[in-house]
PDB file of N, CA and C in Angstrom:
ATOM      1  N   MET A   1       1.455  10.996   9.729  1.00  0.00           N
ATOM      2  CA  MET A   1       3.163  11.715   8.797  1.00  0.00           C
ATOM      3  C   MET A   1       4.446  11.644   9.511  1.00  0.00           C
ATOM      4  N   ALA A   2       5.035  11.876   8.481  1.00  0.00           N
ATOM      5  CA  ALA A   2       6.506  11.749   8.763  1.00  0.00           C
ATOM      6  C   ALA A   2       6.814  12.166   9.458  1.00  0.00           C
ATOM      7  N   LYS A   3       7.921  11.818   9.962  1.00  0.00           N
ATOM      8  CA  LYS A   3       8.920  13.318  10.700  1.00  0.00           C
ATOM      9  C   LYS A   3       9.717  13.915   9.882  1.00  0.00           C
ATOM     10  N   ARG A   4       9.952  15.358  10.862  1.00  0.00           N
ATOM     11  CA  ARG A   4      11.534  15.996   9.891  1.00  0.00           C
ATOM     12  C   ARG A   4      11.915  16.516  10.964  1.00  0.00           C
ATOM     13  N   SER A   5      13.430  17.447  10.363  1.00  0.00           N
ATOM     14  CA  SER A   5      14.571  17.896  11.693  1.00  0.00           C
ATOM     15  C   SER A   5      13.408  18.755  12.436  1.00  0.00           C
ATOM     16  N   PRO A   6      13.961  19.074  13.578  1.00  0.00           N
ATOM     17  CA  PRO A   6      13.080  19.596  14.635  1.00  0.00           C
ATOM     18  C   PRO A   6      13.259  20.895  13.417  1.00  0.00           C
ATOM     19  N   GLY A   7      12.666  22.465  14.007  1.00  0.00           N
ATOM     20  CA  GLY A   7      12.799  23.555  13.367  1.00  0.00           C
ATOM     21  C   GLY A   7      11.965  23.377  12.007  1.00  0.00           C
ATOM     22  N   ILE A   8      12.662  22.407  11.168  1.00  0.00           N
ATOM     23  CA  ILE A   8      11.381  22.549   9.803  1.00  0.00           C
ATOM     24  C   ILE A   8      10.999  22.781  10.152  1.00  0.00           C
ATOM     25  N   HIS A   9       9.949  23.919   8.979  1.00  0.00           N
ATOM     26  CA  HIS A   9       8.590  24.061   8.884  1.00  0.00           C
ATOM     27  C   HIS A   9       8.114  23.761   7.869  1.00  0.00           C
ATOM     28  N   ALA A  10       6.977  22.862   7.188  1.00  0.00           N
ATOM     29  CA  ALA A  10       6.759  23.053   5.938  1.00  0.00           C
ATOM     30  C   ALA A  10       5.009  23.798   5.549  1.00  0.00           C
ATOM     31  N   ASN A  11       4.883  24.461   4.145  1.00  0.00           N
ATOM     32  CA  ASN A  11       4.044  25.263   3.693  1.00  0.00           C
ATOM     33  C   ASN A  11       3.114  23.465   3.624  1.00  0.00           C
ATOM     34  N   ALA A  12       3.596  22.322   3.543  1.00  0.00           N
ATOM     35  CA  ALA A  12       1.600  21.470   3.629  1.00  0.00           C
ATOM     36  C   ALA A  12       2.331  20.810   4.817  1.00  0.00           C
ATOM     37  N   PRO A  13       1.702  19.778   4.412  1.00  0.00           N
ATOM     38  CA  PRO A  13       1.693  18.402   5.764  1.00  0.00           C
ATOM     39  C   PRO A  13       2.717  17.582   3.845  1.00  0.00           C
ATOM     40  N   VAL A  14       3.369  16.220   5.515  1.00  0.00           N
ATOM     41  CA  VAL A  14       4.847  15.872   4.408  1.00  0.00           C
ATOM     42  C   VAL A  14       4.172  14.321   4.102  1.00  0.00           C
ATOM     43  N   LYS A  15       4.364  14.341   2.633  1.00  0.00           N
ATOM     44  CA  LYS A  15       3.620  12.602   2.304  1.00  0.00           C
ATOM     45  C   LYS A  15       4.738  12.028   3.099  1.00  0.00           C
ATOM     46  N   ASN A  16       3.591  10.558   2.909  1.00  0.00           N
ATOM     47  CA  ASN A  16       4.309   9.228   3.160  1.00  0.00           C
ATOM     48  C   ASN A  16       4.207   8.218   2.524  1.00  0.00           C
ATOM     49  N   ILE A  17       5.764   8.378   1.581  1.00  0.00           N
ATOM     50  CA  ILE A  17       5.575   7.607  -0.049  1.00  0.00           C
ATOM     51  C   ILE A  17       6.425   6.642   1.199  1.00  0.00           C
ATOM     52  N   LYS A  18       5.088   5.538   0.350  1.00  0.00           N
ATOM     53  CA  LYS A  18       6.026   3.853   0.682  1.00  0.00           C
ATOM     54  C   LYS A  18       6.573   3.311  -0.817  1.00  0.00           C
ATOM     55  N   SER A  19       6.678   3.688  -1.535  1.00  0.00           N
ATOM     56  CA  SER A  19       7.328   3.908  -2.422  1.00  0.00           C
ATOM     57  C   SER A  19       8.742   2.978  -2.835  1.00  0.00           C
ATOM     58  N   VAL A  20       9.259   2.568  -3.146  1.00  0.00           N
ATOM     59  CA  VAL A  20      10.745   2.120  -3.244  1.00  0.00           C
ATOM     60  C   VAL A  20      11.230   2.346  -4.555  1.00  0.00           C
ATOM     61  N   ASN A  21      10.526   2.813  -5.712  1.00  0.00           N
ATOM     62  CA  ASN A  21      10.900   3.438  -6.254  1.00  0.00           C
ATOM     63  C   ASN A  21      10.093   4.388  -7.331  1.00  0.00           C
ATOM     64  N   ARG A  22       9.255   5.457  -6.464  1.00  0.00           N
ATOM     65  CA  ARG A  22       8.524   6.184  -7.445  1.00  0.00           C
ATOM     66  C   ARG A  22       8.617   7.539  -6.606  1.00  0.00           C
ATOM     67  N   TRP A  23       9.183   8.631  -6.940  1.00  0.00           N
ATOM     68  CA  TRP A  23       8.988   9.682  -5.996  1.00  0.00           C
ATOM     69  C   TRP A  23       8.715  11.156  -6.517  1.00  0.00           C
ATOM     70  N   ALA A  24       8.325  12.088  -5.489  1.00  0.00           N
ATOM     71  CA  ALA A  24       7.551  13.168  -5.266  1.00  0.00           C
ATOM     72  C   ALA A  24       7.600  13.662  -4.142  1.00  0.00           C
ATOM     73  N   PRO A  25       8.092  15.151  -4.886  1.00  0.00           N
ATOM     74  CA  PRO A  25       9.081  16.646  -4.125  1.00  0.00           C
ATOM     75  C   PRO A  25       8.462  16.566  -2.495  1.00  0.00           C
ATOM     76  N   ASN A  26       8.827  16.462  -1.604  1.00  0.00           N
ATOM     77  CA  ASN A  26       7.824  17.074  -0.322  1.00  0.00           C
ATOM     78  C   ASN A  26       7.843  18.492  -0.057  1.00  0.00           C
ATOM     79  N   PRO A  27       7.220  18.137   0.704  1.00  0.00           N
ATOM     80  CA  PRO A  27       6.605  20.357   0.436  1.00  0.00           C
ATOM     81  C   PRO A  27       8.452  21.163   1.012  1.00  0.00           C
ATOM     82  N   ALA A  28       8.200  22.219   0.466  1.00  0.00           N
ATOM     83  CA  ALA A  28       9.428  23.122   0.375  1.00  0.00           C
ATOM     84  C   ALA A  28       9.597  23.451   1.912  1.00  0.00           C
ATOM     85  N   PRO A  29      10.301  24.201   2.589  1.00  0.00           N
ATOM     86  CA  PRO A  29       9.873  24.826   4.010  1.00  0.00           C
ATOM     87  C   PRO A  29       9.411  25.866   3.324  1.00  0.00           C
ATOM     88  N   ILE A  30       8.890  26.820   5.022  1.00  0.00           N
ATOM     89  CA  ILE A  30       8.707  28.125   4.893  1.00  0.00           C
ATOM     90  C   ILE A  30       9.783  29.190   4.655  1.00  0.00           C
ATOM     91  N   ASN A  31      10.280  29.429   5.579  1.00  0.00           N
ATOM     92  CA  ASN A  31      11.550  29.304   6.116  1.00  0.00           C
ATOM     93  C   ASN A  31      13.384  29.243   4.913  1.00  0.00           C
ATOM     94  N   ASN A  32      13.669  30.004   4.093  1.00  0.00           N
ATOM     95  CA  ASN A  32      14.972  29.682   3.915  1.00  0.00           C
ATOM     96  C   ASN A  32      16.312  28.958   4.511  1.00  0.00           C
ATOM     97  N   GLU A  33      16.033  29.715   5.333  1.00  0.00           N
ATOM     98  CA  GLU A  33      16.840  28.707   6.502  1.00  0.00           C
ATOM     99  C   GLU A  33      16.754  27.154   6.798  1.00  0.00           C
ATOM    100  N   ASN A  34      15.878  27.003   6.154  1.00  0.00           N
ATOM    101  CA  ASN A  34      15.893  24.754   5.726  1.00  0.00           C
ATOM    102  C   ASN A  34      15.858  25.095   5.433  1.00  0.00           C
ATOM    103  N   LEU A  35      15.873  25.447   4.193  1.00  0.00           N
ATOM    104  CA  LEU A  35      16.266  24.739   2.286  1.00  0.00           C
ATOM    105  C   LEU A  35      17.166  23.865   2.103  1.00  0.00           C
ATOM    106  N   SER A  36      18.262  24.349   3.008  1.00  0.00           N
ATOM    107  CA  SER A  36      19.808  22.986   1.980  1.00  0.00           C
ATOM    108  C   SER A  36      19.475  21.721   3.477  1.00  0.00           C
ATOM    109  N   ASP A  37      18.466  21.467   4.831  1.00  0.00           N
ATOM    110  CA  ASP A  37      17.682  20.470   4.853  1.00  0.00           C
ATOM    111  C   ASP A  37      16.791  20.105   3.484  1.00  0.00           C
ATOM    112  N   TYR A  38      16.317  20.577   3.694  1.00  0.00           N
ATOM    113  CA  TYR A  38      15.198  20.083   2.255  1.00  0.00           C
ATOM    114  C   TYR A  38      15.598  19.377   1.997  1.00  0.00           C
ATOM    115  N   LEU A  39      17.063  20.078   0.509  1.00  0.00           N
ATOM    116  CA  LEU A  39      16.941  19.493  -0.485  1.00  0.00           C
ATOM    117  C   LEU A  39      18.538  18.524   0.091  1.00  0.00           C
ATOM    118  N   PHE A  40      18.746  18.650   0.982  1.00  0.00           N
ATOM    119  CA  PHE A  40      19.683  17.439   1.234  1.00  0.00           C
ATOM    120  C   PHE A  40      18.867  15.855   1.467  1.00  0.00           C
ATOM    121  N   SER A  41      18.262  16.474   2.342  1.00  0.00           N
ATOM    122  CA  SER A  41      16.796  15.361   2.716  1.00  0.00           C
ATOM    123  C   SER A  41      16.582  14.545   1.121  1.00  0.00           C
ATOM    124  N   GLU A  42      15.883  15.341   0.593  1.00  0.00           N
ATOM    125  CA  GLU A  42      15.466  15.523  -0.917  1.00  0.00           C
ATOM    126  C   GLU A  42      16.424  14.445  -2.191  1.00  0.00           C
ATOM    127  N   LEU A  43      17.407  15.284  -1.632  1.00  0.00           N
ATOM    128  CA  LEU A  43      18.420  14.105  -2.398  1.00  0.00           C
ATOM    129  C   LEU A  43      18.698  13.168  -2.172  1.00  0.00           C
ATOM    130  N   ASN A  44      18.768  12.626  -1.185  1.00  0.00           N
ATOM    131  CA  ASN A  44      18.673  11.969  -0.355  1.00  0.00           C
ATOM    132  C   ASN A  44      17.622  10.312  -1.040  1.00  0.00           C
ATOM    133  N   ARG A  45      16.344  10.744  -0.576  1.00  0.00           N
ATOM    134  CA  ARG A  45      15.689  10.316  -1.446  1.00  0.00           C
ATOM    135  C   ARG A  45      15.718   9.307  -3.041  1.00  0.00           C
ATOM    136  N   LEU A  46      15.919  10.442  -3.551  1.00  0.00           N
ATOM    137  CA  LEU A  46      16.179  10.216  -4.967  1.00  0.00           C
ATOM    138  C   LEU A  46      17.690   9.462  -4.945  1.00  0.00           C
ATOM    139  N   SER A  47      18.301   9.573  -4.592  1.00  0.00           N
ATOM    140  CA  SER A  47      19.856   8.823  -4.860  1.00  0.00           C
ATOM    141  C   SER A  47      18.914   6.906  -4.109  1.00  0.00           C
ATOM    142  N   ASP A  48      18.966   7.089  -2.954  1.00  0.00           N
ATOM    143  CA  ASP A  48      17.634   5.311  -2.823  1.00  0.00           C
ATOM    144  C   ASP A  48      16.728   5.145  -3.822  1.00  0.00           C
ATOM    145  N   ILE A  49      16.538   5.841  -4.228  1.00  0.00           N
ATOM    146  CA  ILE A  49      14.864   6.014  -5.485  1.00  0.00           C
ATOM    147  C   ILE A  49      15.986   4.923  -7.264  1.00  0.00           C
ATOM    148  N   ILE A  50      16.911   5.911  -7.769  1.00  0.00           N
ATOM    149  CA  ILE A  50      17.913   5.718  -7.876  1.00  0.00           C
ATOM    150  C   ILE A  50      18.804   4.468  -8.026  1.00  0.00           C
ATOM    151  N   PHE A  51      19.320   3.854  -7.413  1.00  0.00           N
ATOM    152  CA  PHE A  51      19.578   3.172  -6.496  1.00  0.00           C
ATOM    153  C   PHE A  51      18.700   1.108  -6.743  1.00  0.00           C
ATOM    154  N   ASN A  52      17.393   1.434  -5.998  1.00  0.00           N
ATOM    155  CA  ASN A  52      16.338   1.080  -6.598  1.00  0.00           C
ATOM    156  C   ASN A  52      16.635   0.489  -7.953  1.00  0.00           C
ATOM    157  N   LEU A  53      16.109   1.677  -8.905  1.00  0.00           N
ATOM    158  CA  LEU A  53      16.167   1.017  -9.763  1.00  0.00           C
ATOM    159  C   LEU A  53      16.909   0.245 -10.498  1.00  0.00           C
ATOM    160  N   ASP A  54      18.101   0.837 -10.835  1.00  0.00           N
ATOM    161  CA  ASP A  54      19.549   0.414 -10.555  1.00  0.00           C
ATOM    162  C   ASP A  54      19.490  -0.732 -10.045  1.00  0.00           C
ATOM    163  N   VAL A  55      18.576  -1.788  -9.366  1.00  0.00           N
ATOM    164  CA  VAL A  55      19.215  -2.473  -9.312  1.00  0.00           C
ATOM    165  C   VAL A  55      18.159  -3.568  -9.243  1.00  0.00           C
ATOM    166  N   MET A  56      17.404  -3.420  -9.999  1.00  0.00           N
ATOM    167  CA  MET A  56      15.987  -3.222 -10.662  1.00  0.00           C
ATOM    168  C   MET A  56      15.402  -3.514  -8.831  1.00  0.00           C
ATOM    169  N   ARG A  57      14.964  -3.891  -8.391  1.00  0.00           N
ATOM    170  CA  ARG A  57      14.303  -3.773  -6.954  1.00  0.00           C
ATOM    171  C   ARG A  57      12.424  -2.755  -7.779  1.00  0.00           C
ATOM    172  N   LEU A  58      12.251  -4.021  -7.484  1.00  0.00           N
ATOM    173  CA  LEU A  58      10.646  -4.217  -8.054  1.00  0.00           C
ATOM    174  C   LEU A  58       9.272  -4.417  -6.111  1.00  0.00           C
ATOM    175  N   GLU A  59       8.258  -3.503  -6.605  1.00  0.00           N
ATOM    176  CA  GLU A  59       7.339  -3.109  -6.315  1.00  0.00           C
ATOM    177  C   GLU A  59       6.535  -4.594  -6.190  1.00  0.00           C
ATOM    178  N   GLN A  60       6.002  -5.091  -5.024  1.00  0.00           N
ATOM    179  CA  GLN A  60       4.826  -5.884  -5.215  1.00  0.00           C
ATOM    180  C   GLN A  60       3.937  -5.145  -6.229  1.00  0.00           C
ATOM    181  N   THR A  61       2.792  -6.182  -7.256  1.00  0.00           N
ATOM    182  CA  THR A  61       1.478  -4.683  -7.703  1.00  0.00           C
ATOM    183  C   THR A  61       0.481  -5.706  -7.432  1.00  0.00           C
ATOM    184  N   ASN A  62      -0.430  -4.420  -7.106  1.00  0.00           N
ATOM    185  CA  ASN A  62      -1.147  -5.505  -6.038  1.00  0.00           C
ATOM    186  C   ASN A  62      -3.113  -4.931  -6.124  1.00  0.00           C
ATOM    187  N   ARG A  63      -2.738  -4.468  -7.700  1.00  0.00           N
ATOM    188  CA  ARG A  63      -3.320  -4.327  -8.577  1.00  0.00           C
ATOM    189  C   ARG A  63      -3.911  -4.491 -10.191  1.00  0.00           C
ATOM    190  N   ASP A  64      -5.018  -4.981 -10.865  1.00  0.00           N
ATOM    191  CA  ASP A  64      -3.514  -4.893 -12.458  1.00  0.00           C
ATOM    192  C   ASP A  64      -3.610  -3.494 -12.698  1.00  0.00           C
ATOM    193  N   PRO A  65      -2.405  -3.447 -13.444  1.00  0.00           N
ATOM    194  CA  PRO A  65      -2.191  -2.308 -13.980  1.00  0.00           C
ATOM    195  C   PRO A  65      -2.784  -1.893 -15.567  1.00  0.00           C
ATOM    196  N   LYS A  66      -3.778  -2.182 -15.829  1.00  0.00           N
ATOM    197  CA  LYS A  66      -4.582  -1.228 -17.038  1.00  0.00           C
ATOM    198  C   LYS A  66      -5.500  -1.318 -15.887  1.00  0.00           C
ATOM    199  N   ASP A  67      -5.988  -2.031 -14.491  1.00  0.00           N
ATOM    200  CA  ASP A  67      -7.007  -0.766 -14.319  1.00  0.00           C
ATOM    201  C   ASP A  67      -6.487   0.790 -13.721  1.00  0.00           C
ATOM    202  N   THR A  68      -8.037   2.150 -14.398  1.00  0.00           N
ATOM    203  CA  THR A  68      -7.867   3.290 -14.349  1.00  0.00           C
ATOM    204  C   THR A  68      -9.306   3.443 -12.940  1.00  0.00           C
ATOM    205  N   THR A  69      -9.249   3.470 -11.934  1.00  0.00           N
ATOM    206  CA  THR A  69      -9.992   3.273 -11.535  1.00  0.00           C
ATOM    207  C   THR A  69      -9.384   4.324 -11.018  1.00  0.00           C
ATOM    208  N   ILE A  70      -8.767   4.563 -10.052  1.00  0.00           N
ATOM    209  CA  ILE A  70      -7.668   4.725  -9.169  1.00  0.00           C
ATOM    210  C   ILE A  70      -6.917   6.648  -9.556  1.00  0.00           C
ATOM    211  N   ASN A  71      -6.804   5.872 -10.936  1.00  0.00           N
ATOM    212  CA  ASN A  71      -5.411   6.987 -11.578  1.00  0.00           C
ATOM    213  C   ASN A  71      -5.254   6.460 -13.176  1.00  0.00           C
ATOM    214  N   SER A  72      -5.388   7.830 -13.695  1.00  0.00           N
ATOM    215  CA  SER A  72      -5.843   7.505 -14.913  1.00  0.00           C
ATOM    216  C   SER A  72      -4.779   7.369 -15.513  1.00  0.00           C
ATOM    217  N   ASN A  73      -3.177   7.892 -15.361  1.00  0.00           N
ATOM    218  CA  ASN A  73      -2.664   7.518 -15.124  1.00  0.00           C
ATOM    219  C   ASN A  73      -1.946   5.648 -15.395  1.00  0.00           C
ATOM    220  N   ARG A  74      -2.387   5.376 -14.987  1.00  0.00           N
ATOM    221  CA  ARG A  74      -2.326   4.291 -15.479  1.00  0.00           C
ATOM    222  C   ARG A  74      -3.134   3.424 -16.185  1.00  0.00           C
ATOM    223  N   GLY A  75      -3.093   2.298 -16.233  1.00  0.00           N
ATOM    224  CA  GLY A  75      -3.093   1.862 -17.192  1.00  0.00           C
ATOM    225  C   GLY A  75      -3.631   1.512 -17.836  1.00  0.00           C
ATOM    226  N   LYS A  76      -2.211   1.961 -18.391  1.00  0.00           N
ATOM    227  CA  LYS A  76      -1.525   2.461 -19.968  1.00  0.00           C
ATOM    228  C   LYS A  76      -0.316   1.054 -20.904  1.00  0.00           C
ATOM    229  N   PRO A  77       0.076  -0.433 -20.027  1.00  0.00           N
ATOM    230  CA  PRO A  77       1.271  -0.861 -20.097  1.00  0.00           C
ATOM    231  C   PRO A  77       2.091  -0.835 -21.242  1.00  0.00           C
ATOM    232  N   ARG A  78       2.945  -0.796 -21.382  1.00  0.00           N
ATOM    233  CA  ARG A  78       3.582  -1.114 -22.731  1.00  0.00           C
ATOM    234  C   ARG A  78       4.844  -2.294 -22.831  1.00  0.00           C
ATOM    235  N   ASP A  79       4.392  -3.071 -24.399  1.00  0.00           N
ATOM    236  CA  ASP A  79       5.719  -4.207 -24.346  1.00  0.00           C
ATOM    237  C   ASP A  79       7.177  -4.215 -23.321  1.00  0.00           C
ATOM    238  N   GLY A  80       7.453  -4.586 -22.977  1.00  0.00           N
ATOM    239  CA  GLY A  80       8.707  -4.309 -21.845  1.00  0.00           C
ATOM    240  C   GLY A  80       7.615  -4.137 -20.360  1.00  0.00           C
ATOM    241  N   ASP A  81       7.371  -4.099 -20.034  1.00  0.00           N
ATOM    242  CA  ASP A  81       7.305  -3.456 -18.852  1.00  0.00           C
ATOM    243  C   ASP A  81       7.067  -4.996 -18.461  1.00  0.00           C
ATOM    244  N   ILE A  82       7.451  -4.212 -16.294  1.00  0.00           N
ATOM    245  CA  ILE A  82       8.051  -5.464 -15.509  1.00  0.00           C
ATOM    246  C   ILE A  82       7.336  -4.631 -14.232  1.00  0.00           C
ATOM    247  N   ARG A  83       6.793  -6.819 -13.923  1.00  0.00           N
ATOM    248  CA  ARG A  83       6.102  -6.135 -12.183  1.00  0.00           C
ATOM    249  C   ARG A  83       6.019  -6.995 -12.013  1.00  0.00           C
ATOM    250  N   TYR A  84       6.137  -6.604 -10.066  1.00  0.00           N
ATOM    251  CA  TYR A  84       6.079  -8.075  -9.404  1.00  0.00           C
ATOM    252  C   TYR A  84       4.958  -9.137  -8.740  1.00  0.00           C
ATOM    253  N   ALA A  85       3.853  -9.257  -8.849  1.00  0.00           N
ATOM    254  CA  ALA A  85       2.381  -9.470  -9.185  1.00  0.00           C
ATOM    255  C   ALA A  85       2.930 -10.130  -7.541  1.00  0.00           C
ATOM    256  N   ASP A  86       1.285  -9.524  -6.704  1.00  0.00           N
ATOM    257  CA  ASP A  86       1.417 -10.108  -5.115  1.00  0.00           C
ATOM    258  C   ASP A  86       0.745 -11.722  -5.307  1.00  0.00           C
ATOM    259  N   GLY A  87       0.446 -12.103  -6.791  1.00  0.00           N
ATOM    260  CA  GLY A  87      -0.785 -13.868  -6.324  1.00  0.00           C
ATOM    261  C   GLY A  87      -2.352 -12.988  -5.987  1.00  0.00           C
ATOM    262  N   THR A  88      -1.974 -13.027  -5.943  1.00  0.00           N
ATOM    263  CA  THR A  88      -3.725 -12.573  -4.792  1.00  0.00           C
ATOM    264  C   THR A  88      -4.757 -11.033  -5.045  1.00  0.00           C
ATOM    265  N   ASN A  89      -4.219 -10.213  -5.039  1.00  0.00           N
ATOM    266  CA  ASN A  89      -5.121  -8.952  -4.969  1.00  0.00           C
ATOM    267  C   ASN A  89      -4.935  -8.464  -7.170  1.00  0.00           C
ATOM    268  N   TRP A  90      -4.062  -9.391  -7.311  1.00  0.00           N
ATOM    269  CA  TRP A  90      -3.482  -9.066  -8.829  1.00  0.00           C
ATOM    270  C   TRP A  90      -2.988 -10.557  -9.302  1.00  0.00           C
ATOM    271  N   ASN A  91      -3.188 -11.378  -9.951  1.00  0.00           N
ATOM    272  CA  ASN A  91      -2.659 -12.060  -9.860  1.00  0.00           C
ATOM    273  C   ASN A  91      -3.029 -12.535 -11.644  1.00  0.00           C
ATOM    274  N   PRO A  92      -2.026 -12.303 -12.328  1.00  0.00           N
ATOM    275  CA  PRO A  92      -2.324 -12.584 -13.773  1.00  0.00           C
ATOM    276  C   PRO A  92      -2.569 -14.099 -14.547  1.00  0.00           C
ATOM    277  N   GLY A  93      -2.739 -14.768 -13.713  1.00  0.00           N
ATOM    278  CA  GLY A  93      -2.574 -16.169 -14.050  1.00  0.00           C
ATOM    279  C   GLY A  93      -1.569 -16.889 -13.860  1.00  0.00           C
ATOM    280  N   GLU A  94      -0.912 -16.815 -13.143  1.00  0.00           N
ATOM    281  CA  GLU A  94       0.451 -17.700 -12.451  1.00  0.00           C
ATOM    282  C   GLU A  94       0.949 -17.339 -11.263  1.00  0.00           C
ATOM    283  N   GLY A  95      -0.005 -17.228 -10.449  1.00  0.00           N
ATOM    284  CA  GLY A  95       0.717 -16.661  -8.926  1.00  0.00           C
ATOM    285  C   GLY A  95       0.686 -15.301  -8.699  1.00  0.00           C
ATOM    286  N   LYS A  96       1.944 -15.916  -7.382  1.00  0.00           N
ATOM    287  CA  LYS A  96       2.864 -15.098  -7.690  1.00  0.00           C
ATOM    288  C   LYS A  96       3.856 -14.377  -8.189  1.00  0.00           C
ATOM    289  N   GLY A  97       4.595 -13.208  -8.972  1.00  0.00           N
ATOM    290  CA  GLY A  97       5.709 -14.331  -9.133  1.00  0.00           C
ATOM    291  C   GLY A  97       6.320 -12.473 -10.113  1.00  0.00           C
ATOM    292  N   ILE A  98       7.552 -12.204 -10.492  1.00  0.00           N
ATOM    293  CA  ILE A  98       6.910 -11.606 -11.960  1.00  0.00           C
ATOM    294  C   ILE A  98       6.885 -11.961 -13.529  1.00  0.00           C
ATOM    295  N   TYR A  99       6.329 -10.994 -13.644  1.00  0.00           N
ATOM    296  CA  TYR A  99       5.970 -10.804 -14.937  1.00  0.00           C
ATOM    297  C   TYR A  99       6.383  -9.545 -15.965  1.00  0.00           C
ATOM    298  N   ALA A 100       6.230 -10.404 -17.240  1.00  0.00           N
ATOM    299  CA  ALA A 100       6.832  -8.952 -18.480  1.00  0.00           C
ATOM    300  C   ALA A 100       5.038  -9.065 -19.722  1.00  0.00           C
ATOM    301  N   PHE A 101       4.896  -7.680 -20.460  1.00  0.00           N
ATOM    302  CA  PHE A 101       4.298  -7.609 -20.628  1.00  0.00           C
ATOM    303  C   PHE A 101       4.012  -7.778 -22.170  1.00  0.00           C
ATOM    304  N   ILE A 102       4.076  -8.930 -23.092  1.00  0.00           N
ATOM    305  CA  ILE A 102       3.471  -9.669 -24.011  1.00  0.00           C
ATOM    306  C   ILE A 102       3.816  -9.192 -25.199  1.00  0.00           C
ATOM    307  N   GLU A 103       3.658  -8.533 -25.659  1.00  0.00           N
ATOM    308  CA  GLU A 103       2.512  -8.606 -26.839  1.00  0.00           C
ATOM    309  C   GLU A 103       0.642  -8.568 -26.434  1.00  0.00           C
ATOM    310  N   ASP A 104       0.416  -8.115 -25.863  1.00  0.00           N
ATOM    311  CA  ASP A 104      -0.189  -7.322 -25.136  1.00  0.00           C
ATOM    312  C   ASP A 104      -1.288  -8.489 -23.893  1.00  0.00           C
ATOM    313  N   ALA A 105       0.056  -9.260 -23.504  1.00  0.00           N
ATOM    314  CA  ALA A 105      -0.567  -9.765 -22.215  1.00  0.00           C
ATOM    315  C   ALA A 105       0.691 -10.195 -20.910  1.00  0.00           C
ATOM    316  N   TRP A 106       0.273 -10.384 -19.983  1.00  0.00           N
ATOM    317  CA  TRP A 106       1.161 -11.041 -19.003  1.00  0.00           C
ATOM    318  C   TRP A 106       1.775 -11.921 -18.594  1.00  0.00           C
ATOM    319  N   VAL A 107       3.356 -11.557 -18.924  1.00  0.00           N
ATOM    320  CA  VAL A 107       3.637 -13.261 -19.407  1.00  0.00           C
ATOM    321  C   VAL A 107       4.668 -13.797 -18.183  1.00  0.00           C
ATOM    322  N   LYS A 108       4.786 -14.472 -17.253  1.00  0.00           N
ATOM    323  CA  LYS A 108       5.755 -15.026 -16.092  1.00  0.00           C
ATOM    324  C   LYS A 108       6.704 -15.521 -16.374  1.00  0.00           C
ATOM    325  N   LEU A 109       7.534 -14.461 -16.055  1.00  0.00           N
ATOM    326  CA  LEU A 109       9.281 -14.540 -16.615  1.00  0.00           C
ATOM    327  C   LEU A 109      10.151 -16.040 -15.395  1.00  0.00           C
TER     328      LEU A 109
END
C-alpha cells in the first residue's frame, strides 16, 4: 500500500498506480482537515502525468493492445496510436521498439 502523510486516513485503501501516463484518484480523506493535503498530492500526480504526456514518455506495452481479456476498454487501437512494445510479451513483429498503428497494423517506427 502506498504511503500517506501521518494523520491522513482515507475511506478506502490507497491505489498503487505504477503508470507514468494514466491517473486514477486515490480515495478522498475521511476528515475535511486532510483535504488540502489530499488535493495537493493529487494535483502533483496529475502534473507529473501531464508532463510525461507532453514529452511523449511512453510506457512499455507488455501485451497486445487488441487483447480485451483483462479490460473491455482495451482492444480498440486507432490509426495514429503509438506504443512502446517490450518485444517479449508483446512483439508486434520486429521486436522491442516504438510502433504506430496505421491502417489496421502495427508499424515499427
